[in-house]
C-alpha atoms as a PDB file:
ATOM      1  CA  MET A   1      91.359 117.008  91.515  1.00  0.00           C
ATOM      2  CA  THR A   2      91.672 120.096  89.364  1.00  0.00           C
ATOM      3  CA  ALA A   3      93.587 122.933  90.954  1.00  0.00           C
ATOM      4  CA  SER A   4      90.649 125.308  90.996  1.00  0.00           C
ATOM      5  CA  ASN A   5      88.060 122.744  92.099  1.00  0.00           C
ATOM      6  CA  THR A   6      89.610 120.772  94.933  1.00  0.00           C
ATOM      7  CA  ASP A   7      89.956 120.952  98.666  1.00  0.00           C
ATOM      8  CA  ALA A   8      92.760 119.021 100.286  1.00  0.00           C
ATOM      9  CA  GLY A   9      92.372 115.532 101.557  1.00  0.00           C
ATOM     10  CA  GLY A  10      90.690 112.186 101.155  1.00  0.00           C
ATOM     11  CA  ASN A  11      88.628 111.175  98.165  1.00  0.00           C
ATOM     12  CA  ASP A  12      86.779 114.495  97.968  1.00  0.00           C
ATOM     13  CA  GLY A  13      88.974 115.206  94.966  1.00  0.00           C
ATOM     14  CA  LEU A  14      87.382 112.357  92.993  1.00  0.00           C
ATOM     15  CA  GLY A  15      83.895 113.788  93.365  1.00  0.00           C
ATOM     16  CA  ARG A  16      85.089 117.219  92.324  1.00  0.00           C
ATOM     17  CA  LEU A  17      87.051 115.789  89.406  1.00  0.00           C
ATOM     18  CA  LEU A  18      84.035 113.837  88.151  1.00  0.00           C
ATOM     19  CA  ALA A  19      81.891 116.943  88.491  1.00  0.00           C
ATOM     20  CA  HIS A  20      84.509 118.915  86.554  1.00  0.00           C
ATOM     21  CA  VAL A  21      84.431 116.505  83.590  1.00  0.00           C
ATOM     22  CA  ALA A  22      80.679 115.819  83.694  1.00  0.00           C
ATOM     23  CA  ALA A  23      80.058 118.072  80.696  1.00  0.00           C
ATOM     24  CA  LEU A  24      82.564 116.184  78.528  1.00  0.00           C
ATOM     25  CA  PRO A  25      81.153 113.299  76.485  1.00  0.00           C
ATOM     26  CA  PRO A  26      82.874 109.942  77.029  1.00  0.00           C
ATOM     27  CA  VAL A  27      85.597 108.834  74.631  1.00  0.00           C
ATOM     28  CA  ARG A  28      86.243 105.426  73.121  1.00  0.00           C
ATOM     29  CA  VAL A  29      89.016 103.712  75.050  1.00  0.00           C
ATOM     30  CA  ALA A  30      90.765 100.469  74.159  1.00  0.00           C
ATOM     31  CA  VAL A  31      90.967  98.443  77.361  1.00  0.00           C
ATOM     32  CA  VAL A  32      93.924  96.155  76.798  1.00  0.00           C
ATOM     33  CA  HIS A  33      93.543  92.551  77.953  1.00  0.00           C
ATOM     34  CA  PRO A  34      91.205  93.103  80.950  1.00  0.00           C
ATOM     35  CA  CYS A  35      91.301  89.419  81.819  1.00  0.00           C
ATOM     36  CA  ASP A  36      90.841  89.609  85.562  1.00  0.00           C
ATOM     37  CA  ALA A  37      87.941  90.831  87.650  1.00  0.00           C
ATOM     38  CA  ALA A  38      89.703  93.989  88.860  1.00  0.00           C
ATOM     39  CA  SER A  39      90.608  95.399  85.442  1.00  0.00           C
ATOM     40  CA  LEU A  40      87.317  94.378  83.821  1.00  0.00           C
ATOM     41  CA  SER A  41      85.348  95.918  86.690  1.00  0.00           C
ATOM     42  CA  ALA A  42      87.396  99.107  86.364  1.00  0.00           C
ATOM     43  CA  ALA A  43      86.446  99.444  82.707  1.00  0.00           C
ATOM     44  CA  LEU A  44      82.770  98.904  83.457  1.00  0.00           C
ATOM     45  CA  ASP A  45      82.884 101.344  86.390  1.00  0.00           C
ATOM     46  CA  ALA A  46      84.405 104.015  84.144  1.00  0.00           C
ATOM     47  CA  ARG A  47      81.699 103.356  81.567  1.00  0.00           C
ATOM     48  CA  ASP A  48      78.967 103.632  84.201  1.00  0.00           C
ATOM     49  CA  ALA A  49      80.505 106.910  85.409  1.00  0.00           C
ATOM     50  CA  GLY A  50      80.159 108.318  81.892  1.00  0.00           C
ATOM     51  CA  LEU A  51      83.912 108.607  81.330  1.00  0.00           C
ATOM     52  CA  ILE A  52      84.643 106.035  78.618  1.00  0.00           C
ATOM     53  CA  VAL A  53      83.088 103.901  75.934  1.00  0.00           C
ATOM     54  CA  PRO A  54      85.141 100.739  76.440  1.00  0.00           C
ATOM     55  CA  VAL A  55      86.469  98.639  73.606  1.00  0.00           C
ATOM     56  CA  LEU A  56      87.671  95.411  75.204  1.00  0.00           C
ATOM     57  CA  VAL A  57      90.685  93.979  73.395  1.00  0.00           C
ATOM     58  CA  ALA A  58      91.209  90.423  74.637  1.00  0.00           C
ATOM     59  CA  PRO A  59      90.604  86.736  73.937  1.00  0.00           C
ATOM     60  CA  ARG A  60      86.796  86.586  73.842  1.00  0.00           C
ATOM     61  CA  GLU A  61      86.398  83.233  75.599  1.00  0.00           C
ATOM     62  CA  ARG A  62      88.702  84.196  78.459  1.00  0.00           C
ATOM     63  CA  LEU A  63      87.018  87.572  78.801  1.00  0.00           C
ATOM     64  CA  GLU A  64      83.565  86.034  78.947  1.00  0.00           C
ATOM     65  CA  ALA A  65      84.743  83.501  81.544  1.00  0.00           C
ATOM     66  CA  VAL A  66      86.115  86.282  83.758  1.00  0.00           C
ATOM     67  CA  ALA A  67      82.853  88.200  83.408  1.00  0.00           C
ATOM     68  CA  ALA A  68      80.776  85.141  84.285  1.00  0.00           C
ATOM     69  CA  ASP A  69      82.881  84.333  87.347  1.00  0.00           C
ATOM     70  CA  ALA A  70      82.691  87.943  88.578  1.00  0.00           C
ATOM     71  CA  GLY A  71      79.010  88.431  87.759  1.00  0.00           C
ATOM     72  CA  LEU A  72      79.734  91.192  85.238  1.00  0.00           C
ATOM     73  CA  ASP A  73      77.473  91.893  82.259  1.00  0.00           C
ATOM     74  CA  LEU A  74      79.181  92.480  78.898  1.00  0.00           C
ATOM     75  CA  THR A  75      75.962  93.075  76.976  1.00  0.00           C
ATOM     76  CA  GLY A  76      76.366  95.822  74.393  1.00  0.00           C
ATOM     77  CA  ILE A  77      80.120  96.234  74.893  1.00  0.00           C
ATOM     78  CA  CYS A  78      82.418  96.096  71.877  1.00  0.00           C
ATOM     79  CA  ILE A  79      84.876  93.199  72.090  1.00  0.00           C
ATOM     80  CA  GLU A  80      87.875  92.974  69.767  1.00  0.00           C
ATOM     81  CA  HIS A  81      88.980  89.337  69.843  1.00  0.00           C
ATOM     82  CA  VAL A  82      92.721  88.616  69.852  1.00  0.00           C
ATOM     83  CA  ALA A  83      94.702  85.527  70.691  1.00  0.00           C
ATOM     84  CA  HIS A  84      96.734  86.713  73.698  1.00  0.00           C
ATOM     85  CA  SER A  85      98.004  89.701  75.674  1.00  0.00           C
ATOM     86  CA  HIS A  86     100.801  90.596  73.251  1.00  0.00           C
ATOM     87  CA  ALA A  87      98.339  90.680  70.373  1.00  0.00           C
ATOM     88  CA  ALA A  88      95.976  92.746  72.534  1.00  0.00           C
ATOM     89  CA  ALA A  89      98.629  95.422  73.046  1.00  0.00           C
ATOM     90  CA  ALA A  90      99.492  95.547  69.347  1.00  0.00           C
ATOM     91  CA  HIS A  91      95.849  95.673  68.246  1.00  0.00           C
ATOM     92  CA  ALA A  92      94.899  98.363  70.772  1.00  0.00           C
ATOM     93  CA  VAL A  93      97.757 100.534  69.539  1.00  0.00           C
ATOM     94  CA  ALA A  94      96.628  99.950  65.953  1.00  0.00           C
ATOM     95  CA  LEU A  95      93.118 101.107  66.895  1.00  0.00           C
ATOM     96  CA  ALA A  96      94.591 104.293  68.351  1.00  0.00           C
ATOM     97  CA  ARG A  97      96.753 104.887  65.273  1.00  0.00           C
ATOM     98  CA  ALA A  98      93.649 104.558  63.118  1.00  0.00           C
ATOM     99  CA  GLY A  99      91.738 107.039  65.269  1.00  0.00           C
ATOM    100  CA  GLU A 100      89.179 104.435  66.340  1.00  0.00           C
ATOM    101  CA  VAL A 101      89.936 105.000  70.032  1.00  0.00           C
ATOM    102  CA  GLU A 102      91.207 108.116  71.804  1.00  0.00           C
ATOM    103  CA  ALA A 103      92.921 106.521  74.806  1.00  0.00           C
ATOM    104  CA  LEU A 104      94.308 103.221  76.045  1.00  0.00           C
ATOM    105  CA  MET A 105      93.706 101.590  79.410  1.00  0.00           C
ATOM    106  CA  LYS A 106      95.899  98.833  80.808  1.00  0.00           C
ATOM    107  CA  GLY A 107      94.204  95.610  81.802  1.00  0.00           C
ATOM    108  CA  SER A 108      95.846  92.556  83.357  1.00  0.00           C
ATOM    109  CA  LEU A 109      98.920  92.442  81.138  1.00  0.00           C
ATOM    110  CA  HIS A 110     102.318  93.698  82.287  1.00  0.00           C
ATOM    111  CA  THR A 111     103.115  97.382  81.882  1.00  0.00           C
ATOM    112  CA  ASP A 112     106.228  96.615  79.800  1.00  0.00           C
ATOM    113  CA  GLU A 113     104.156  94.606  77.334  1.00  0.00           C
ATOM    114  CA  LEU A 114     101.713  97.433  76.754  1.00  0.00           C
ATOM    115  CA  MET A 115     104.293 100.207  76.677  1.00  0.00           C
ATOM    116  CA  GLY A 116     106.500  98.214  74.314  1.00  0.00           C
ATOM    117  CA  ALA A 117     103.691  98.358  71.766  1.00  0.00           C
ATOM    118  CA  VAL A 118     103.046 102.042  72.478  1.00  0.00           C
ATOM    119  CA  VAL A 119     106.656 103.114  71.860  1.00  0.00           C
ATOM    120  CA  ALA A 120     107.443 100.775  68.943  1.00  0.00           C
ATOM    121  CA  SER A 121     109.240 102.897  66.363  1.00  0.00           C
ATOM    122  CA  ALA A 122     107.360 101.730  63.275  1.00  0.00           C
ATOM    123  CA  THR A 123     103.923 100.769  64.587  1.00  0.00           C
ATOM    124  CA  GLY A 124     103.534 102.599  67.897  1.00  0.00           C
ATOM    125  CA  LEU A 125     102.187 105.920  69.096  1.00  0.00           C
ATOM    126  CA  ARG A 126     105.392 107.878  69.532  1.00  0.00           C
ATOM    127  CA  THR A 127     105.612 111.643  69.232  1.00  0.00           C
ATOM    128  CA  LYS A 128     108.596 113.982  69.382  1.00  0.00           C
ATOM    129  CA  ARG A 129     108.397 113.706  73.176  1.00  0.00           C
ATOM    130  CA  ARG A 130     109.747 111.054  75.473  1.00  0.00           C
ATOM    131  CA  VAL A 131     106.904 109.017  76.975  1.00  0.00           C
ATOM    132  CA  SER A 132     106.565 109.517  80.729  1.00  0.00           C
ATOM    133  CA  HIS A 133     104.168 108.831  83.584  1.00  0.00           C
ATOM    134  CA  CYS A 134     102.574 111.284  85.996  1.00  0.00           C
ATOM    135  CA  PHE A 135     100.939 110.529  89.318  1.00  0.00           C
ATOM    136  CA  VAL A 136      98.358 113.164  90.260  1.00  0.00           C
ATOM    137  CA  LEU A 137      98.119 113.145  94.041  1.00  0.00           C
ATOM    138  CA  GLN A 138      96.050 114.866  96.684  1.00  0.00           C
ATOM    139  CA  THR A 139      96.921 114.470 100.345  1.00  0.00           C
ATOM    140  CA  PRO A 140      95.287 115.888 103.479  1.00  0.00           C
ATOM    141  CA  HIS A 141      98.657 117.379 104.416  1.00  0.00           C
ATOM    142  CA  TYR A 142      99.181 119.612 101.357  1.00  0.00           C
ATOM    143  CA  PRO A 143      96.872 122.433 100.268  1.00  0.00           C
ATOM    144  CA  ARG A 144      96.688 121.591  96.565  1.00  0.00           C
ATOM    145  CA  PRO A 145      96.835 118.635  94.180  1.00  0.00           C
ATOM    146  CA  PHE A 146     100.297 117.950  92.795  1.00  0.00           C
ATOM    147  CA  ILE A 147     102.091 115.802  90.251  1.00  0.00           C
ATOM    148  CA  VAL A 148     104.936 113.339  90.875  1.00  0.00           C
ATOM    149  CA  THR A 149     106.931 112.310  87.801  1.00  0.00           C
ATOM    150  CA  ASP A 150     108.332 109.967  86.558  1.00  0.00           C
ATOM    151  CA  ALA A 151     107.628 107.041  88.858  1.00  0.00           C
ATOM    152  CA  ALA A 152     106.608 104.304  86.429  1.00  0.00           C
ATOM    153  CA  ILE A 153     108.374 104.312  83.035  1.00  0.00           C
ATOM    154  CA  ASN A 154     111.805 105.953  82.801  1.00  0.00           C
ATOM    155  CA  LEU A 155     114.211 104.090  85.056  1.00  0.00           C
ATOM    156  CA  ALA A 156     117.205 106.427  85.132  1.00  0.00           C
ATOM    157  CA  PRO A 157     116.472 109.340  82.782  1.00  0.00           C
ATOM    158  CA  ASP A 158     119.270 111.491  81.419  1.00  0.00           C
ATOM    159  CA  LEU A 159     119.049 115.271  81.094  1.00  0.00           C
ATOM    160  CA  ALA A 160     117.267 115.280  77.729  1.00  0.00           C
ATOM    161  CA  GLN A 161     114.771 112.705  78.956  1.00  0.00           C
ATOM    162  CA  LYS A 162     114.169 114.681  82.150  1.00  0.00           C
ATOM    163  CA  ALA A 163     113.460 117.753  80.052  1.00  0.00           C
ATOM    164  CA  ASP A 164     110.673 115.877  78.271  1.00  0.00           C
ATOM    165  CA  ILE A 165     109.403 114.532  81.591  1.00  0.00           C
ATOM    166  CA  VAL A 166     109.118 118.126  82.799  1.00  0.00           C
ATOM    167  CA  ARG A 167     107.433 119.263  79.571  1.00  0.00           C
ATOM    168  CA  ASN A 168     104.874 116.457  79.769  1.00  0.00           C
ATOM    169  CA  ALA A 169     104.074 117.278  83.386  1.00  0.00           C
ATOM    170  CA  ILE A 170     103.646 120.972  82.595  1.00  0.00           C
ATOM    171  CA  ASP A 171     101.264 120.089  79.769  1.00  0.00           C
ATOM    172  CA  LEU A 172      99.222 117.925  82.139  1.00  0.00           C
ATOM    173  CA  ALA A 173      99.144 120.680  84.743  1.00  0.00           C
ATOM    174  CA  HIS A 174      97.751 123.080  82.138  1.00  0.00           C
ATOM    175  CA  VAL A 175      94.966 120.626  81.266  1.00  0.00           C
ATOM    176  CA  LEU A 176      94.196 120.284  84.980  1.00  0.00           C
ATOM    177  CA  GLY A 177      93.730 124.027  85.219  1.00  0.00           C
ATOM    178  CA  ILE A 178      97.094 125.141  86.620  1.00  0.00           C
ATOM    179  CA  ALA A 179      98.009 128.047  84.364  1.00  0.00           C
ATOM    180  CA  VAL A 180     101.645 128.437  85.479  1.00  0.00           C
ATOM    181  CA  PRO A 181     102.702 125.352  87.423  1.00  0.00           C
ATOM    182  CA  ARG A 182     105.571 125.567  89.880  1.00  0.00           C
ATOM    183  CA  VAL A 183     108.041 122.777  89.137  1.00  0.00           C
ATOM    184  CA  ALA A 184     110.426 121.529  91.820  1.00  0.00           C
ATOM    185  CA  ILE A 185     113.375 119.487  90.550  1.00  0.00           C
ATOM    186  CA  LEU A 186     114.101 117.203  93.493  1.00  0.00           C
ATOM    187  CA  ALA A 187     117.403 115.992  94.872  1.00  0.00           C
ATOM    188  CA  ALA A 188     118.646 115.075  98.341  1.00  0.00           C
ATOM    189  CA  VAL A 189     119.967 118.598  98.901  1.00  0.00           C
ATOM    190  CA  GLU A 190     119.224 122.088  97.679  1.00  0.00           C
ATOM    191  CA  THR A 191     122.757 122.974  96.631  1.00  0.00           C
ATOM    192  CA  VAL A 192     124.549 122.011  93.418  1.00  0.00           C
ATOM    193  CA  SER A 193     127.194 119.392  94.024  1.00  0.00           C
ATOM    194  CA  PRO A 194     129.421 117.824  91.353  1.00  0.00           C
ATOM    195  CA  THR A 195     129.301 114.552  93.297  1.00  0.00           C
ATOM    196  CA  MET A 196     125.491 114.343  93.064  1.00  0.00           C
ATOM    197  CA  PRO A 197     124.344 114.086  89.418  1.00  0.00           C
ATOM    198  CA  ALA A 198     120.710 114.844  90.298  1.00  0.00           C
ATOM    199  CA  THR A 199     121.708 118.320  91.462  1.00  0.00           C
ATOM    200  CA  LEU A 200     123.578 118.994  88.214  1.00  0.00           C
ATOM    201  CA  ASP A 201     120.568 117.901  86.154  1.00  0.00           C
ATOM    202  CA  ALA A 202     118.316 120.115  88.267  1.00  0.00           C
ATOM    203  CA  ALA A 203     120.509 123.146  87.691  1.00  0.00           C
ATOM    204  CA  ALA A 204     120.685 122.436  83.958  1.00  0.00           C
ATOM    205  CA  LEU A 205     116.912 122.050  83.677  1.00  0.00           C
ATOM    206  CA  CYS A 206     116.401 125.402  85.373  1.00  0.00           C
ATOM    207  CA  LYS A 207     118.839 127.050  82.976  1.00  0.00           C
ATOM    208  CA  MET A 208     117.014 125.406  80.050  1.00  0.00           C
ATOM    209  CA  ALA A 209     113.849 127.070  81.323  1.00  0.00           C
ATOM    210  CA  ASP A 210     115.688 130.404  81.559  1.00  0.00           C
ATOM    211  CA  ARG A 211     116.692 130.027  77.907  1.00  0.00           C
ATOM    212  CA  GLY A 212     113.202 129.116  76.715  1.00  0.00           C
ATOM    213  CA  GLN A 213     113.950 125.431  76.078  1.00  0.00           C
ATOM    214  CA  ILE A 214     111.303 124.468  78.637  1.00  0.00           C
ATOM    215  CA  THR A 215     108.244 126.715  78.763  1.00  0.00           C
ATOM    216  CA  GLY A 216     104.890 126.996  80.488  1.00  0.00           C
ATOM    217  CA  GLY A 217     105.998 126.715  84.101  1.00  0.00           C
ATOM    218  CA  ILE A 218     108.345 128.072  86.759  1.00  0.00           C
ATOM    219  CA  LEU A 219     111.273 125.763  87.538  1.00  0.00           C
ATOM    220  CA  ASP A 220     113.556 125.674  90.556  1.00  0.00           C
ATOM    221  CA  GLY A 221     116.073 123.142  91.746  1.00  0.00           C
ATOM    222  CA  PRO A 222     117.768 121.364  93.118  1.00  0.00           C
ATOM    223  CA  LEU A 223     115.313 121.317  96.001  1.00  0.00           C
ATOM    224  CA  ALA A 224     115.110 118.720  98.718  1.00  0.00           C
ATOM    225  CA  LEU A 225     111.583 117.435  99.242  1.00  0.00           C
ATOM    226  CA  ASP A 226     111.028 119.378 102.467  1.00  0.00           C
ATOM    227  CA  ASN A 227     111.990 122.623 100.766  1.00  0.00           C
ATOM    228  CA  ALA A 228     109.744 121.882  97.800  1.00  0.00           C
ATOM    229  CA  VAL A 229     106.587 121.374  99.855  1.00  0.00           C
ATOM    230  CA  SER A 230     107.149 123.350 103.073  1.00  0.00           C
ATOM    231  CA  ILE A 231     107.476 127.130 103.107  1.00  0.00           C
ATOM    232  CA  ASP A 232     108.765 126.950 106.679  1.00  0.00           C
ATOM    233  CA  ALA A 233     111.476 124.462 105.715  1.00  0.00           C
ATOM    234  CA  ALA A 234     112.537 126.638 102.790  1.00  0.00           C
ATOM    235  CA  ARG A 235     112.674 129.745 104.963  1.00  0.00           C
ATOM    236  CA  SER A 236     114.723 127.968 107.614  1.00  0.00           C
ATOM    237  CA  LYS A 237     117.390 127.327 104.985  1.00  0.00           C
ATOM    238  CA  GLY A 238     117.203 130.823 103.541  1.00  0.00           C
ATOM    239  CA  ILE A 239     115.820 129.673 100.211  1.00  0.00           C
ATOM    240  CA  VAL A 240     114.183 132.478  98.247  1.00  0.00           C
ATOM    241  CA  SER A 241     112.109 130.915  95.484  1.00  0.00           C
ATOM    242  CA  ASP A 242     108.758 131.160  93.705  1.00  0.00           C
ATOM    243  CA  VAL A 243     108.575 127.370  93.799  1.00  0.00           C
ATOM    244  CA  ALA A 244     109.845 126.335  97.237  1.00  0.00           C
ATOM    245  CA  GLY A 245     107.027 125.372  99.585  1.00  0.00           C
ATOM    246  CA  ARG A 246     104.401 125.681  96.848  1.00  0.00           C
ATOM    247  CA  ALA A 247     105.321 123.125  94.220  1.00  0.00           C
ATOM    248  CA  ASP A 248     102.668 121.843  91.828  1.00  0.00           C
ATOM    249  CA  ILE A 249     105.030 119.346  90.178  1.00  0.00           C
ATOM    250  CA  LEU A 250     107.691 117.226  91.868  1.00  0.00           C
ATOM    251  CA  VAL A 251     110.266 115.898  89.382  1.00  0.00           C
ATOM    252  CA  VAL A 252     112.154 112.996  90.931  1.00  0.00           C
ATOM    253  CA  PRO A 253     115.722 111.946  90.075  1.00  0.00           C
ATOM    254  CA  ASP A 254     114.799 108.417  88.973  1.00  0.00           C
ATOM    255  CA  LEU A 255     111.996 105.878  88.868  1.00  0.00           C
ATOM    256  CA  GLU A 256     112.857 104.178  92.141  1.00  0.00           C
ATOM    257  CA  SER A 257     112.789 107.367  94.194  1.00  0.00           C
ATOM    258  CA  GLY A 258     109.594 108.484  92.484  1.00  0.00           C
ATOM    259  CA  ASN A 259     107.852 105.154  92.946  1.00  0.00           C
ATOM    260  CA  LEU A 260     108.796 105.079  96.619  1.00  0.00           C
ATOM    261  CA  LEU A 261     107.590 108.654  97.115  1.00  0.00           C
ATOM    262  CA  ALA A 262     104.263 108.164  95.345  1.00  0.00           C
ATOM    263  CA  LYS A 263     103.419 104.862  97.021  1.00  0.00           C
ATOM    264  CA  GLN A 264     104.419 106.158 100.433  1.00  0.00           C
ATOM    265  CA  LEU A 265     102.034 109.069  99.955  1.00  0.00           C
ATOM    266  CA  ILE A 266      99.240 106.763  98.754  1.00  0.00           C
ATOM    267  CA  PHE A 267      99.554 103.944 101.270  1.00  0.00           C
ATOM    268  CA  MET A 268     100.888 105.791 104.319  1.00  0.00           C
ATOM    269  CA  GLY A 269      99.839 109.385 103.671  1.00  0.00           C
ATOM    270  CA  ASN A 270      96.197 108.762 102.688  1.00  0.00           C
ATOM    271  CA  ALA A 271      96.713 110.429  99.323  1.00  0.00           C
ATOM    272  CA  ALA A 272      94.083 110.128  96.620  1.00  0.00           C
ATOM    273  CA  SER A 273      95.791 109.276  93.346  1.00  0.00           C
ATOM    274  CA  ALA A 274      95.473 109.014  89.607  1.00  0.00           C
ATOM    275  CA  GLY A 275      98.032 107.965  87.022  1.00  0.00           C
ATOM    276  CA  ILE A 276      98.455 108.766  83.350  1.00  0.00           C
ATOM    277  CA  VAL A 277     101.062 108.353  80.614  1.00  0.00           C
ATOM    278  CA  LEU A 278     101.859 111.333  78.392  1.00  0.00           C
ATOM    279  CA  GLY A 279     104.100 111.792  75.383  1.00  0.00           C
ATOM    280  CA  ALA A 280     102.199 109.336  73.172  1.00  0.00           C
ATOM    281  CA  ARG A 281      99.555 110.229  70.590  1.00  0.00           C
ATOM    282  CA  VAL A 282      96.835 109.270  73.059  1.00  0.00           C
ATOM    283  CA  PRO A 283      96.729 109.191  76.862  1.00  0.00           C
ATOM    284  CA  VAL A 284      97.420 105.823  78.459  1.00  0.00           C
ATOM    285  CA  VAL A 285      95.858 104.824  81.776  1.00  0.00           C
ATOM    286  CA  LEU A 286      98.191 102.530  83.701  1.00  0.00           C
ATOM    287  CA  THR A 287      96.306 100.716  86.421  1.00  0.00           C
ATOM    288  CA  SER A 288      97.575  98.358  89.078  1.00  0.00           C
ATOM    289  CA  ARG A 289      95.881  95.492  90.890  1.00  0.00           C
ATOM    290  CA  ALA A 290      96.506  97.444  94.094  1.00  0.00           C
ATOM    291  CA  ASP A 291      94.722 100.573  92.848  1.00  0.00           C
ATOM    292  CA  ALA A 292      91.532 101.591  94.608  1.00  0.00           C
ATOM    293  CA  ARG A 293      88.338 102.038  92.580  1.00  0.00           C
ATOM    294  CA  GLU A 294      88.558 105.792  93.150  1.00  0.00           C
ATOM    295  CA  SER A 295      92.078 105.881  91.716  1.00  0.00           C
ATOM    296  CA  ARG A 296      91.012 104.029  88.568  1.00  0.00           C
ATOM    297  CA  LEU A 297      88.075 106.375  88.015  1.00  0.00           C
ATOM    298  CA  ALA A 298      90.223 109.456  88.603  1.00  0.00           C
ATOM    299  CA  SER A 299      92.766 108.186  86.075  1.00  0.00           C
ATOM    300  CA  CYS A 300      90.030 107.700  83.485  1.00  0.00           C
ATOM    301  CA  ALA A 301      88.685 111.188  84.189  1.00  0.00           C
ATOM    302  CA  ILE A 302      92.114 112.682  83.512  1.00  0.00           C
ATOM    303  CA  ALA A 303      92.418 110.593  80.338  1.00  0.00           C
ATOM    304  CA  LEU A 304      89.053 112.002  79.252  1.00  0.00           C
ATOM    305  CA  MET A 305      90.283 115.572  79.781  1.00  0.00           C
ATOM    306  CA  LEU A 306      93.483 114.876  77.866  1.00  0.00           C
ATOM    307  CA  ALA A 307      91.693 113.142  74.988  1.00  0.00           C
ATOM    308  CA  HIS A 308      89.422 116.135  74.471  1.00  0.00           C
ATOM    309  CA  HIS A 309      92.418 118.478  74.730  1.00  0.00           C
ATOM    310  CA  TYR A 310      94.326 116.444  72.128  1.00  0.00           C
ATOM    311  CA  ARG A 311      91.504 116.951  69.616  1.00  0.00           C
ATOM    312  CA  SER A 312      92.448 120.596  69.295  1.00  0.00           C
ATOM    313  CA  THR A 313      96.086 120.373  70.399  1.00  0.00           C
ATOM    314  CA  PRO A 314      97.622 117.061  69.301  1.00  0.00           C
ATOM    315  CA  PRO A 315     100.675 115.986  71.297  1.00  0.00           C
END
């Protein structure tokens, strides 16, 4: 799913992504409360693919019962026993703070429970950046992989938070091999309107990029979705832009619009997907019970790339 190693469509991107990271040794990953068959299987699949060395943080008895019921073998896997899911989140974060793991992976606990521990002011993994989530998507109908952000963490981000969301996405694009990502700041229309706050934020973000407050990519906005991904649509509206029709990053106005866009692409547009949280000291893989096996593996592969990148360039 790297920009230089992917053809459009289907799950071909997973094979190319795994081939791209094959030379990287696996990293230790705290798998937080994997107390159902889906999340435990995902951790073992990622281990078998050579992506992670899992450290299972969960109540031991419950974990072993899940493994027995699902026919999964835990022989040789490190298990950090805790009493419950809340303790699992706190302990996994403590392992990351101590440098004992280089990434976190969500198990069967709720996203808010895990992220609450990640962003805790005194004991979490916060950096100077706002934490945000990126979907990396690849659809048969678009000629390159692209990022949708933020569709999972920040509900209604303000301008400063959107700036960090953009910065995080640009950083991810660089790790994925996109040297100068094209960033489309989405709204319902492509003109600035004082009655539509998303268009004002888009214009401000672009000016921040002009002034060097956001670096590493080319920003344009506001752009409606059709103008961001279709050169023909942009031309029909007379839009002259280095981003329009060729966006690598789609920055949505809010979580609801982003979540709807990403899931529509995945479930109705046959998009291959991966998801990762940036802005913390370590990458965080957020999985869902509805995620396909390929999506979980792709997310772990991206976490592996980020973890190795963070060794030389800490977030």
